[in-house]
Amino acid sequence: MALKKPPTAVTTEHSGRQHERDAAGLLKQLTDSNAEVRRWAARDLADCPGCSEALVEHLKTEADTSVREVILTSLVLLGDNTAVYGLVACMRSEDAALRNEAIEAMKQLPDAVSPIMRGLLADEDSDMRIFAVNILESLKHPSVEQWLSDVIEHDDHVNVCATAVDLLGEVGSRTALEPLLRLKTRFDKEPYIQFAADLAIKRILEG
Protein backbone atom coordinates (compact mmCIF):
# COMPACT_ATOMS: atom_id res chain seq x y z
CA MET A 1 0.00 0.00 0.00
CA ALA A 2 1.49 3.32 -1.03
CA LEU A 3 2.21 5.78 1.72
CA LYS A 4 0.65 9.21 1.47
CA LYS A 5 3.00 12.13 1.69
CA PRO A 6 2.28 14.39 4.63
CA PRO A 7 1.13 17.95 3.90
CA THR A 8 4.06 20.22 3.18
CA ALA A 9 4.72 23.89 3.73
CA VAL A 10 3.65 24.46 0.15
CA THR A 11 0.19 23.17 0.98
CA THR A 12 -0.02 25.54 3.93
CA GLU A 13 1.17 28.41 1.80
CA HIS A 14 -1.36 27.65 -0.90
CA SER A 15 -4.20 27.66 1.59
CA GLY A 16 -3.52 31.31 2.31
CA ARG A 17 -2.82 32.33 -1.29
CA GLN A 18 -5.79 31.16 -3.29
CA HIS A 19 -6.60 34.60 -4.70
CA GLU A 20 -5.20 36.67 -7.52
CA ARG A 21 -1.72 38.02 -6.86
CA ASP A 22 -1.94 41.20 -8.92
CA ALA A 23 -1.88 44.49 -6.99
CA ALA A 24 -5.64 44.99 -7.07
CA GLY A 25 -6.30 41.47 -5.84
CA LEU A 26 -3.67 41.72 -3.12
CA LEU A 27 -5.05 45.03 -1.87
CA LYS A 28 -8.49 43.46 -1.62
CA GLN A 29 -7.00 40.57 0.37
CA LEU A 30 -5.60 43.02 2.91
CA THR A 31 -9.16 43.37 4.22
CA ASP A 32 -9.85 39.62 4.34
CA SER A 33 -11.13 38.25 7.65
CA ASN A 34 -8.43 35.55 7.58
CA ALA A 35 -5.14 36.82 9.05
CA GLU A 36 -3.15 34.32 6.98
CA VAL A 37 -4.61 35.73 3.77
CA ARG A 38 -3.80 39.27 4.91
CA ARG A 39 -0.28 38.22 5.84
CA TRP A 40 0.46 36.69 2.42
CA ALA A 41 -1.09 39.69 0.68
CA ALA A 42 1.07 42.09 2.69
CA ARG A 43 4.17 40.06 1.84
CA ASP A 44 3.42 39.91 -1.88
CA LEU A 45 2.70 43.65 -2.02
CA ALA A 46 6.42 44.23 -1.45
CA ASP A 47 6.71 43.46 -5.17
CA CYS A 48 4.07 46.01 -6.14
CA PRO A 49 5.43 49.56 -6.48
CA GLY A 50 2.76 52.14 -5.78
CA CYS A 51 1.13 50.22 -2.94
CA SER A 52 2.93 51.87 -0.03
CA GLU A 53 0.06 54.20 0.81
CA ALA A 54 -2.42 51.33 1.08
CA LEU A 55 0.00 49.36 3.26
CA VAL A 56 0.50 52.31 5.60
CA GLU A 57 -3.23 52.90 5.92
CA HIS A 58 -3.85 49.25 6.69
CA LEU A 59 -1.00 49.21 9.21
CA LYS A 60 -2.86 51.82 11.26
CA THR A 61 -5.83 49.51 11.79
CA GLU A 62 -4.37 45.99 11.57
CA ALA A 63 -4.87 44.12 14.85
CA ASP A 64 -2.84 40.98 14.12
CA THR A 65 0.80 41.36 15.19
CA SER A 66 2.15 38.95 12.57
CA VAL A 67 0.38 40.84 9.77
CA ARG A 68 1.69 44.16 11.08
CA GLU A 69 5.23 42.78 11.04
CA VAL A 70 4.90 41.71 7.41
CA ILE A 71 3.42 45.07 6.42
CA LEU A 72 6.39 46.84 7.99
CA THR A 73 8.82 44.53 6.21
CA SER A 74 7.12 45.24 2.88
CA LEU A 75 7.25 48.99 3.50
CA VAL A 76 10.98 48.72 4.19
CA LEU A 77 11.49 46.69 1.01
CA LEU A 78 9.49 49.20 -1.04
CA GLY A 79 11.38 52.05 0.66
CA ASP A 80 9.87 54.81 -1.47
CA ASN A 81 8.94 58.33 -0.36
CA THR A 82 5.35 57.32 0.22
CA ALA A 83 6.47 54.57 2.60
CA VAL A 84 8.81 56.92 4.47
CA TYR A 85 6.30 59.75 4.86
CA GLY A 86 3.66 57.21 5.85
CA LEU A 87 5.95 55.95 8.60
CA VAL A 88 6.56 59.53 9.72
CA ALA A 89 2.79 59.95 10.03
CA CYS A 90 2.69 56.79 12.15
CA MET A 91 5.29 58.34 14.45
CA ARG A 92 2.69 61.00 15.30
CA SER A 93 0.10 58.40 16.30
CA GLU A 94 -1.30 58.14 19.83
CA ASP A 95 -0.71 54.38 19.52
CA ALA A 96 2.66 53.77 21.21
CA ALA A 97 3.11 50.38 19.56
CA LEU A 98 2.56 51.88 16.10
CA ARG A 99 5.02 54.69 16.85
CA ASN A 100 7.70 52.25 17.94
CA GLU A 101 7.12 50.03 14.91
CA ALA A 102 7.50 53.02 12.61
CA ILE A 103 10.74 54.08 14.32
CA GLU A 104 12.21 50.59 14.03
CA ALA A 105 11.26 50.41 10.35
CA MET A 106 12.82 53.78 9.58
CA LYS A 107 16.10 52.70 11.16
CA GLN A 108 16.40 50.26 8.26
CA LEU A 109 16.02 52.96 5.58
CA PRO A 110 19.11 55.19 5.86
CA ASP A 111 19.13 56.33 2.24
CA ALA A 112 15.42 57.11 2.19
CA VAL A 113 15.34 58.74 5.63
CA SER A 114 18.50 60.86 5.40
CA PRO A 115 16.98 63.55 3.11
CA ILE A 116 14.25 64.30 5.68
CA MET A 117 16.25 63.81 8.89
CA ARG A 118 17.08 67.48 9.42
CA GLY A 119 13.39 68.27 9.05
CA LEU A 120 12.47 65.65 11.63
CA LEU A 121 15.11 66.96 14.04
CA ALA A 122 13.64 70.46 13.65
CA ASP A 123 10.00 69.39 14.04
CA GLU A 124 7.93 71.72 16.23
CA ASP A 125 6.88 68.74 18.36
CA SER A 126 9.64 67.86 20.84
CA ASP A 127 8.43 64.26 20.99
CA MET A 128 8.96 63.94 17.25
CA ARG A 129 12.47 65.31 17.64
CA ILE A 130 13.17 62.70 20.31
CA PHE A 131 11.79 59.98 18.03
CA ALA A 132 14.08 61.24 15.26
CA VAL A 133 17.08 60.91 17.58
CA ASN A 134 15.89 57.39 18.40
CA ILE A 135 16.00 56.56 14.68
CA LEU A 136 19.63 57.69 14.59
CA GLU A 137 20.48 55.05 17.20
CA SER A 138 20.72 52.36 14.52
CA LEU A 139 20.70 54.40 11.31
CA LYS A 140 23.83 53.45 9.42
CA HIS A 141 24.59 56.82 7.84
CA PRO A 142 27.79 58.91 7.83
CA SER A 143 25.97 62.07 9.00
CA VAL A 144 24.66 60.63 12.29
CA GLU A 145 27.33 62.31 14.44
CA GLN A 146 26.85 65.67 12.73
CA TRP A 147 23.08 65.50 13.15
CA LEU A 148 23.46 64.73 16.85
CA SER A 149 25.98 67.54 17.31
CA ASP A 150 23.57 69.96 15.64
CA VAL A 151 20.85 68.88 18.06
CA ILE A 152 22.90 69.54 21.18
CA GLU A 153 24.12 72.85 19.72
CA HIS A 154 20.73 74.28 18.80
CA ASP A 155 17.78 72.46 20.39
CA ASP A 156 16.35 74.26 23.43
CA HIS A 157 14.44 71.28 24.84
CA VAL A 158 16.33 69.55 27.63
CA ASN A 159 14.84 66.11 26.95
CA VAL A 160 15.74 66.23 23.26
CA CYS A 161 19.31 67.20 24.10
CA ALA A 162 19.50 64.53 26.81
CA THR A 163 18.47 61.86 24.32
CA ALA A 164 20.98 63.12 21.77
CA VAL A 165 23.90 63.38 24.19
CA ASP A 166 23.33 59.83 25.43
CA LEU A 167 23.66 58.56 21.88
CA LEU A 168 26.55 60.86 21.05
CA GLY A 169 28.50 59.23 23.87
CA GLU A 170 28.19 55.94 21.98
CA VAL A 171 28.83 57.06 18.40
CA GLY A 172 30.68 60.36 18.75
CA SER A 173 34.29 61.17 17.94
CA ARG A 174 36.57 63.94 19.21
CA THR A 175 34.77 66.25 16.79
CA ALA A 176 31.84 66.20 19.22
CA LEU A 177 33.87 67.38 22.23
CA GLU A 178 33.42 71.12 21.63
CA PRO A 179 29.64 70.83 21.06
CA LEU A 180 29.41 68.78 24.28
CA LEU A 181 31.27 71.45 26.24
CA ARG A 182 29.00 74.15 24.83
CA LEU A 183 25.98 72.03 25.76
CA LYS A 184 27.18 71.98 29.38
CA THR A 185 27.33 75.77 29.30
CA ARG A 186 23.85 76.12 27.79
CA PHE A 187 22.29 73.81 30.38
CA ASP A 188 24.49 74.64 33.35
CA LYS A 189 21.54 74.28 35.76
CA GLU A 190 20.50 70.82 34.49
CA PRO A 191 22.20 68.06 36.54
CA TYR A 192 21.40 65.27 34.09
CA ILE A 193 22.83 67.18 31.11
CA GLN A 194 26.01 67.82 33.10
CA PHE A 195 26.29 64.15 34.02
CA ALA A 196 25.46 62.83 30.53
CA ALA A 197 27.78 65.27 28.76
CA ASP A 198 30.65 64.44 31.12
CA LEU A 199 30.05 60.73 30.55
CA ALA A 200 29.97 61.22 26.77
CA ILE A 201 33.20 63.21 26.89
CA LYS A 202 34.85 60.52 29.01
CA ARG A 203 33.77 57.75 26.63
CA ILE A 204 35.00 59.65 23.59
CA LEU A 205 38.38 60.41 25.15
CA GLU A 206 38.80 56.80 26.24
CA GLY A 207 37.59 55.37 22.94
C-alpha atoms as a PDB file:
ATOM      1  CA  MET A   1       0.000   0.000   0.000  1.00  0.00           C
ATOM      2  CA  ALA A   2       1.485   3.318  -1.033  1.00  0.00           C
ATOM      3  CA  LEU A   3       2.213   5.785   1.717  1.00  0.00           C
ATOM      4  CA  LYS A   4       0.647   9.209   1.474  1.00  0.00           C
ATOM      5  CA  LYS A   5       2.997  12.135   1.688  1.00  0.00           C
ATOM      6  CA  PRO A   6       2.277  14.393   4.635  1.00  0.00           C
ATOM      7  CA  PRO A   7       1.129  17.947   3.903  1.00  0.00           C
ATOM      8  CA  THR A   8       4.065  20.217   3.180  1.00  0.00           C
ATOM      9  CA  ALA A   9       4.720  23.893   3.729  1.00  0.00           C
ATOM     10  CA  VAL A  10       3.654  24.457   0.146  1.00  0.00           C
ATOM     11  CA  THR A  11       0.194  23.168   0.983  1.00  0.00           C
ATOM     12  CA  THR A  12      -0.019  25.544   3.928  1.00  0.00           C
ATOM     13  CA  GLU A  13       1.175  28.411   1.798  1.00  0.00           C
ATOM     14  CA  HIS A  14      -1.357  27.654  -0.903  1.00  0.00           C
ATOM     15  CA  SER A  15      -4.205  27.665   1.593  1.00  0.00           C
ATOM     16  CA  GLY A  16      -3.520  31.310   2.315  1.00  0.00           C
ATOM     17  CA  ARG A  17      -2.821  32.330  -1.288  1.00  0.00           C
ATOM     18  CA  GLN A  18      -5.786  31.164  -3.285  1.00  0.00           C
ATOM     19  CA  HIS A  19      -6.596  34.601  -4.698  1.00  0.00           C
ATOM     20  CA  GLU A  20      -5.198  36.672  -7.523  1.00  0.00           C
ATOM     21  CA  ARG A  21      -1.724  38.022  -6.861  1.00  0.00           C
ATOM     22  CA  ASP A  22      -1.937  41.203  -8.921  1.00  0.00           C
ATOM     23  CA  ALA A  23      -1.877  44.492  -6.994  1.00  0.00           C
ATOM     24  CA  ALA A  24      -5.638  44.992  -7.069  1.00  0.00           C
ATOM     25  CA  GLY A  25      -6.298  41.467  -5.842  1.00  0.00           C
ATOM     26  CA  LEU A  26      -3.675  41.721  -3.123  1.00  0.00           C
ATOM     27  CA  LEU A  27      -5.046  45.027  -1.870  1.00  0.00           C
ATOM     28  CA  LYS A  28      -8.487  43.456  -1.620  1.00  0.00           C
ATOM     29  CA  GLN A  29      -7.001  40.567   0.370  1.00  0.00           C
ATOM     30  CA  LEU A  30      -5.599  43.023   2.914  1.00  0.00           C
ATOM     31  CA  THR A  31      -9.156  43.366   4.220  1.00  0.00           C
ATOM     32  CA  ASP A  32      -9.845  39.617   4.337  1.00  0.00           C
ATOM     33  CA  SER A  33     -11.128  38.249   7.654  1.00  0.00           C
ATOM     34  CA  ASN A  34      -8.426  35.548   7.579  1.00  0.00           C
ATOM     35  CA  ALA A  35      -5.139  36.819   9.049  1.00  0.00           C
ATOM     36  CA  GLU A  36      -3.151  34.322   6.976  1.00  0.00           C
ATOM     37  CA  VAL A  37      -4.614  35.728   3.769  1.00  0.00           C
ATOM     38  CA  ARG A  38      -3.804  39.271   4.908  1.00  0.00           C
ATOM     39  CA  ARG A  39      -0.284  38.224   5.842  1.00  0.00           C
ATOM     40  CA  TRP A  40       0.458  36.693   2.421  1.00  0.00           C
ATOM     41  CA  ALA A  41      -1.086  39.693   0.682  1.00  0.00           C
ATOM     42  CA  ALA A  42       1.071  42.088   2.686  1.00  0.00           C
ATOM     43  CA  ARG A  43       4.170  40.063   1.840  1.00  0.00           C
ATOM     44  CA  ASP A  44       3.418  39.911  -1.882  1.00  0.00           C
ATOM     45  CA  LEU A  45       2.700  43.653  -2.022  1.00  0.00           C
ATOM     46  CA  ALA A  46       6.421  44.227  -1.451  1.00  0.00           C
ATOM     47  CA  ASP A  47       6.715  43.456  -5.173  1.00  0.00           C
ATOM     48  CA  CYS A  48       4.070  46.014  -6.143  1.00  0.00           C
ATOM     49  CA  PRO A  49       5.429  49.562  -6.477  1.00  0.00           C
ATOM     50  CA  GLY A  50       2.765  52.140  -5.777  1.00  0.00           C
ATOM     51  CA  CYS A  51       1.126  50.219  -2.942  1.00  0.00           C
ATOM     52  CA  SER A  52       2.927  51.867  -0.031  1.00  0.00           C
ATOM     53  CA  GLU A  53       0.057  54.199   0.808  1.00  0.00           C
ATOM     54  CA  ALA A  54      -2.419  51.326   1.080  1.00  0.00           C
ATOM     55  CA  LEU A  55       0.001  49.359   3.259  1.00  0.00           C
ATOM     56  CA  VAL A  56       0.503  52.308   5.597  1.00  0.00           C
ATOM     57  CA  GLU A  57      -3.226  52.903   5.917  1.00  0.00           C
ATOM     58  CA  HIS A  58      -3.846  49.252   6.687  1.00  0.00           C
ATOM     59  CA  LEU A  59      -1.000  49.212   9.205  1.00  0.00           C
ATOM     60  CA  LYS A  60      -2.863  51.824  11.259  1.00  0.00           C
ATOM     61  CA  THR A  61      -5.828  49.510  11.794  1.00  0.00           C
ATOM     62  CA  GLU A  62      -4.373  45.989  11.567  1.00  0.00           C
ATOM     63  CA  ALA A  63      -4.875  44.120  14.852  1.00  0.00           C
ATOM     64  CA  ASP A  64      -2.840  40.983  14.123  1.00  0.00           C
ATOM     65  CA  THR A  65       0.797  41.357  15.190  1.00  0.00           C
ATOM     66  CA  SER A  66       2.147  38.954  12.570  1.00  0.00           C
ATOM     67  CA  VAL A  67       0.376  40.839   9.774  1.00  0.00           C
ATOM     68  CA  ARG A  68       1.690  44.162  11.079  1.00  0.00           C
ATOM     69  CA  GLU A  69       5.232  42.785  11.043  1.00  0.00           C
ATOM     70  CA  VAL A  70       4.904  41.709   7.414  1.00  0.00           C
ATOM     71  CA  ILE A  71       3.417  45.070   6.417  1.00  0.00           C
ATOM     72  CA  LEU A  72       6.386  46.843   7.989  1.00  0.00           C
ATOM     73  CA  THR A  73       8.817  44.532   6.211  1.00  0.00           C
ATOM     74  CA  SER A  74       7.120  45.239   2.881  1.00  0.00           C
ATOM     75  CA  LEU A  75       7.249  48.986   3.500  1.00  0.00           C
ATOM     76  CA  VAL A  76      10.984  48.723   4.187  1.00  0.00           C
ATOM     77  CA  LEU A  77      11.487  46.687   1.013  1.00  0.00           C
ATOM     78  CA  LEU A  78       9.495  49.203  -1.038  1.00  0.00           C
ATOM     79  CA  GLY A  79      11.376  52.047   0.660  1.00  0.00           C
ATOM     80  CA  ASP A  80       9.866  54.812  -1.470  1.00  0.00           C
ATOM     81  CA  ASN A  81       8.942  58.332  -0.365  1.00  0.00           C
ATOM     82  CA  THR A  82       5.347  57.322   0.225  1.00  0.00           C
ATOM     83  CA  ALA A  83       6.472  54.575   2.598  1.00  0.00           C
ATOM     84  CA  VAL A  84       8.810  56.919   4.467  1.00  0.00           C
ATOM     85  CA  TYR A  85       6.297  59.746   4.860  1.00  0.00           C
ATOM     86  CA  GLY A  86       3.660  57.211   5.848  1.00  0.00           C
ATOM     87  CA  LEU A  87       5.948  55.946   8.598  1.00  0.00           C
ATOM     88  CA  VAL A  88       6.558  59.526   9.722  1.00  0.00           C
ATOM     89  CA  ALA A  89       2.791  59.949  10.033  1.00  0.00           C
ATOM     90  CA  CYS A  90       2.691  56.786  12.149  1.00  0.00           C
ATOM     91  CA  MET A  91       5.290  58.336  14.454  1.00  0.00           C
ATOM     92  CA  ARG A  92       2.694  61.001  15.302  1.00  0.00           C
ATOM     93  CA  SER A  93       0.103  58.398  16.302  1.00  0.00           C
ATOM     94  CA  GLU A  94      -1.300  58.143  19.829  1.00  0.00           C
ATOM     95  CA  ASP A  95      -0.706  54.382  19.516  1.00  0.00           C
ATOM     96  CA  ALA A  96       2.661  53.772  21.208  1.00  0.00           C
ATOM     97  CA  ALA A  97       3.106  50.375  19.558  1.00  0.00           C
ATOM     98  CA  LEU A  98       2.563  51.878  16.103  1.00  0.00           C
ATOM     99  CA  ARG A  99       5.018  54.689  16.852  1.00  0.00           C
ATOM    100  CA  ASN A 100       7.696  52.245  17.944  1.00  0.00           C
ATOM    101  CA  GLU A 101       7.122  50.029  14.909  1.00  0.00           C
ATOM    102  CA  ALA A 102       7.505  53.022  12.607  1.00  0.00           C
ATOM    103  CA  ILE A 103      10.736  54.083  14.318  1.00  0.00           C
ATOM    104  CA  GLU A 104      12.207  50.589  14.029  1.00  0.00           C
ATOM    105  CA  ALA A 105      11.262  50.407  10.345  1.00  0.00           C
ATOM    106  CA  MET A 106      12.822  53.785   9.581  1.00  0.00           C
ATOM    107  CA  LYS A 107      16.102  52.697  11.159  1.00  0.00           C
ATOM    108  CA  GLN A 108      16.396  50.259   8.258  1.00  0.00           C
ATOM    109  CA  LEU A 109      16.022  52.955   5.578  1.00  0.00           C
ATOM    110  CA  PRO A 110      19.108  55.195   5.861  1.00  0.00           C
ATOM    111  CA  ASP A 111      19.134  56.334   2.238  1.00  0.00           C
ATOM    112  CA  ALA A 112      15.418  57.109   2.189  1.00  0.00           C
ATOM    113  CA  VAL A 113      15.335  58.738   5.629  1.00  0.00           C
ATOM    114  CA  SER A 114      18.496  60.858   5.399  1.00  0.00           C
ATOM    115  CA  PRO A 115      16.975  63.549   3.110  1.00  0.00           C
ATOM    116  CA  ILE A 116      14.252  64.303   5.682  1.00  0.00           C
ATOM    117  CA  MET A 117      16.248  63.811   8.893  1.00  0.00           C
ATOM    118  CA  ARG A 118      17.080  67.481   9.416  1.00  0.00           C
ATOM    119  CA  GLY A 119      13.395  68.272   9.054  1.00  0.00           C
ATOM    120  CA  LEU A 120      12.471  65.649  11.634  1.00  0.00           C
ATOM    121  CA  LEU A 121      15.107  66.956  14.039  1.00  0.00           C
ATOM    122  CA  ALA A 122      13.637  70.455  13.645  1.00  0.00           C
ATOM    123  CA  ASP A 123      10.000  69.392  14.040  1.00  0.00           C
ATOM    124  CA  GLU A 124       7.932  71.722  16.227  1.00  0.00           C
ATOM    125  CA  ASP A 125       6.883  68.736  18.360  1.00  0.00           C
ATOM    126  CA  SER A 126       9.644  67.863  20.836  1.00  0.00           C
ATOM    127  CA  ASP A 127       8.426  64.260  20.992  1.00  0.00           C
ATOM    128  CA  MET A 128       8.958  63.938  17.251  1.00  0.00           C
ATOM    129  CA  ARG A 129      12.472  65.312  17.645  1.00  0.00           C
ATOM    130  CA  ILE A 130      13.166  62.695  20.313  1.00  0.00           C
ATOM    131  CA  PHE A 131      11.789  59.975  18.028  1.00  0.00           C
ATOM    132  CA  ALA A 132      14.077  61.242  15.260  1.00  0.00           C
ATOM    133  CA  VAL A 133      17.079  60.907  17.580  1.00  0.00           C
ATOM    134  CA  ASN A 134      15.892  57.392  18.402  1.00  0.00           C
ATOM    135  CA  ILE A 135      16.004  56.564  14.681  1.00  0.00           C
ATOM    136  CA  LEU A 136      19.629  57.690  14.593  1.00  0.00           C
ATOM    137  CA  GLU A 137      20.485  55.050  17.197  1.00  0.00           C
ATOM    138  CA  SER A 138      20.721  52.358  14.523  1.00  0.00           C
ATOM    139  CA  LEU A 139      20.696  54.397  11.312  1.00  0.00           C
ATOM    140  CA  LYS A 140      23.833  53.452   9.417  1.00  0.00           C
ATOM    141  CA  HIS A 141      24.585  56.822   7.839  1.00  0.00           C
ATOM    142  CA  PRO A 142      27.788  58.907   7.832  1.00  0.00           C
ATOM    143  CA  SER A 143      25.972  62.067   9.003  1.00  0.00           C
ATOM    144  CA  VAL A 144      24.660  60.634  12.286  1.00  0.00           C
ATOM    145  CA  GLU A 145      27.327  62.305  14.440  1.00  0.00           C
ATOM    146  CA  GLN A 146      26.848  65.671  12.725  1.00  0.00           C
ATOM    147  CA  TRP A 147      23.078  65.505  13.153  1.00  0.00           C
ATOM    148  CA  LEU A 148      23.457  64.733  16.853  1.00  0.00           C
ATOM    149  CA  SER A 149      25.983  67.536  17.307  1.00  0.00           C
ATOM    150  CA  ASP A 150      23.575  69.961  15.637  1.00  0.00           C
ATOM    151  CA  VAL A 151      20.848  68.875  18.056  1.00  0.00           C
ATOM    152  CA  ILE A 152      22.903  69.542  21.176  1.00  0.00           C
ATOM    153  CA  GLU A 153      24.118  72.848  19.725  1.00  0.00           C
ATOM    154  CA  HIS A 154      20.731  74.282  18.804  1.00  0.00           C
ATOM    155  CA  ASP A 155      17.776  72.461  20.387  1.00  0.00           C
ATOM    156  CA  ASP A 156      16.353  74.257  23.434  1.00  0.00           C
ATOM    157  CA  HIS A 157      14.438  71.280  24.835  1.00  0.00           C
ATOM    158  CA  VAL A 158      16.329  69.550  27.626  1.00  0.00           C
ATOM    159  CA  ASN A 159      14.837  66.109  26.947  1.00  0.00           C
ATOM    160  CA  VAL A 160      15.742  66.229  23.264  1.00  0.00           C
ATOM    161  CA  CYS A 161      19.311  67.198  24.098  1.00  0.00           C
ATOM    162  CA  ALA A 162      19.501  64.530  26.808  1.00  0.00           C
ATOM    163  CA  THR A 163      18.470  61.856  24.322  1.00  0.00           C
ATOM    164  CA  ALA A 164      20.981  63.121  21.772  1.00  0.00           C
ATOM    165  CA  VAL A 165      23.896  63.380  24.187  1.00  0.00           C
ATOM    166  CA  ASP A 166      23.327  59.834  25.434  1.00  0.00           C
ATOM    167  CA  LEU A 167      23.657  58.558  21.879  1.00  0.00           C
ATOM    168  CA  LEU A 168      26.549  60.855  21.049  1.00  0.00           C
ATOM    169  CA  GLY A 169      28.498  59.225  23.865  1.00  0.00           C
ATOM    170  CA  GLU A 170      28.193  55.945  21.980  1.00  0.00           C
ATOM    171  CA  VAL A 171      28.834  57.063  18.402  1.00  0.00           C
ATOM    172  CA  GLY A 172      30.682  60.358  18.749  1.00  0.00           C
ATOM    173  CA  SER A 173      34.294  61.170  17.936  1.00  0.00           C
ATOM    174  CA  ARG A 174      36.566  63.937  19.214  1.00  0.00           C
ATOM    175  CA  THR A 175      34.767  66.248  16.792  1.00  0.00           C
ATOM    176  CA  ALA A 176      31.838  66.201  19.221  1.00  0.00           C
ATOM    177  CA  LEU A 177      33.872  67.378  22.225  1.00  0.00           C
ATOM    178  CA  GLU A 178      33.418  71.121  21.630  1.00  0.00           C
ATOM    179  CA  PRO A 179      29.638  70.827  21.057  1.00  0.00           C
ATOM    180  CA  LEU A 180      29.411  68.783  24.275  1.00  0.00           C
ATOM    181  CA  LEU A 181      31.267  71.452  26.244  1.00  0.00           C
ATOM    182  CA  ARG A 182      28.996  74.148  24.831  1.00  0.00           C
ATOM    183  CA  LEU A 183      25.981  72.026  25.764  1.00  0.00           C
ATOM    184  CA  LYS A 184      27.178  71.979  29.379  1.00  0.00           C
ATOM    185  CA  THR A 185      27.330  75.770  29.300  1.00  0.00           C
ATOM    186  CA  ARG A 186      23.855  76.125  27.790  1.00  0.00           C
ATOM    187  CA  PHE A 187      22.294  73.814  30.375  1.00  0.00           C
ATOM    188  CA  ASP A 188      24.491  74.641  33.352  1.00  0.00           C
ATOM    189  CA  LYS A 189      21.536  74.278  35.756  1.00  0.00           C
ATOM    190  CA  GLU A 190      20.504  70.822  34.490  1.00  0.00           C
ATOM    191  CA  PRO A 191      22.200  68.061  36.535  1.00  0.00           C
ATOM    192  CA  TYR A 192      21.398  65.274  34.090  1.00  0.00           C
ATOM    193  CA  ILE A 193      22.828  67.176  31.114  1.00  0.00           C
ATOM    194  CA  GLN A 194      26.015  67.822  33.097  1.00  0.00           C
ATOM    195  CA  PHE A 195      26.287  64.149  34.017  1.00  0.00           C
ATOM    196  CA  ALA A 196      25.459  62.827  30.529  1.00  0.00           C
ATOM    197  CA  ALA A 197      27.776  65.270  28.761  1.00  0.00           C
ATOM    198  CA  ASP A 198      30.650  64.438  31.125  1.00  0.00           C
ATOM    199  CA  LEU A 199      30.049  60.733  30.550  1.00  0.00           C
ATOM    200  CA  ALA A 200      29.969  61.218  26.771  1.00  0.00           C
ATOM    201  CA  ILE A 201      33.202  63.214  26.885  1.00  0.00           C
ATOM    202  CA  LYS A 202      34.846  60.520  29.011  1.00  0.00           C
ATOM    203  CA  ARG A 203      33.773  57.754  26.634  1.00  0.00           C
ATOM    204  CA  ILE A 204      34.996  59.649  23.587  1.00  0.00           C
ATOM    205  CA  LEU A 205      38.377  60.405  25.148  1.00  0.00           C
ATOM    206  CA  GLU A 206      38.799  56.801  26.244  1.00  0.00           C
ATOM    207  CA  GLY A 207      37.595  55.370  22.940  1.00  0.00           C
END
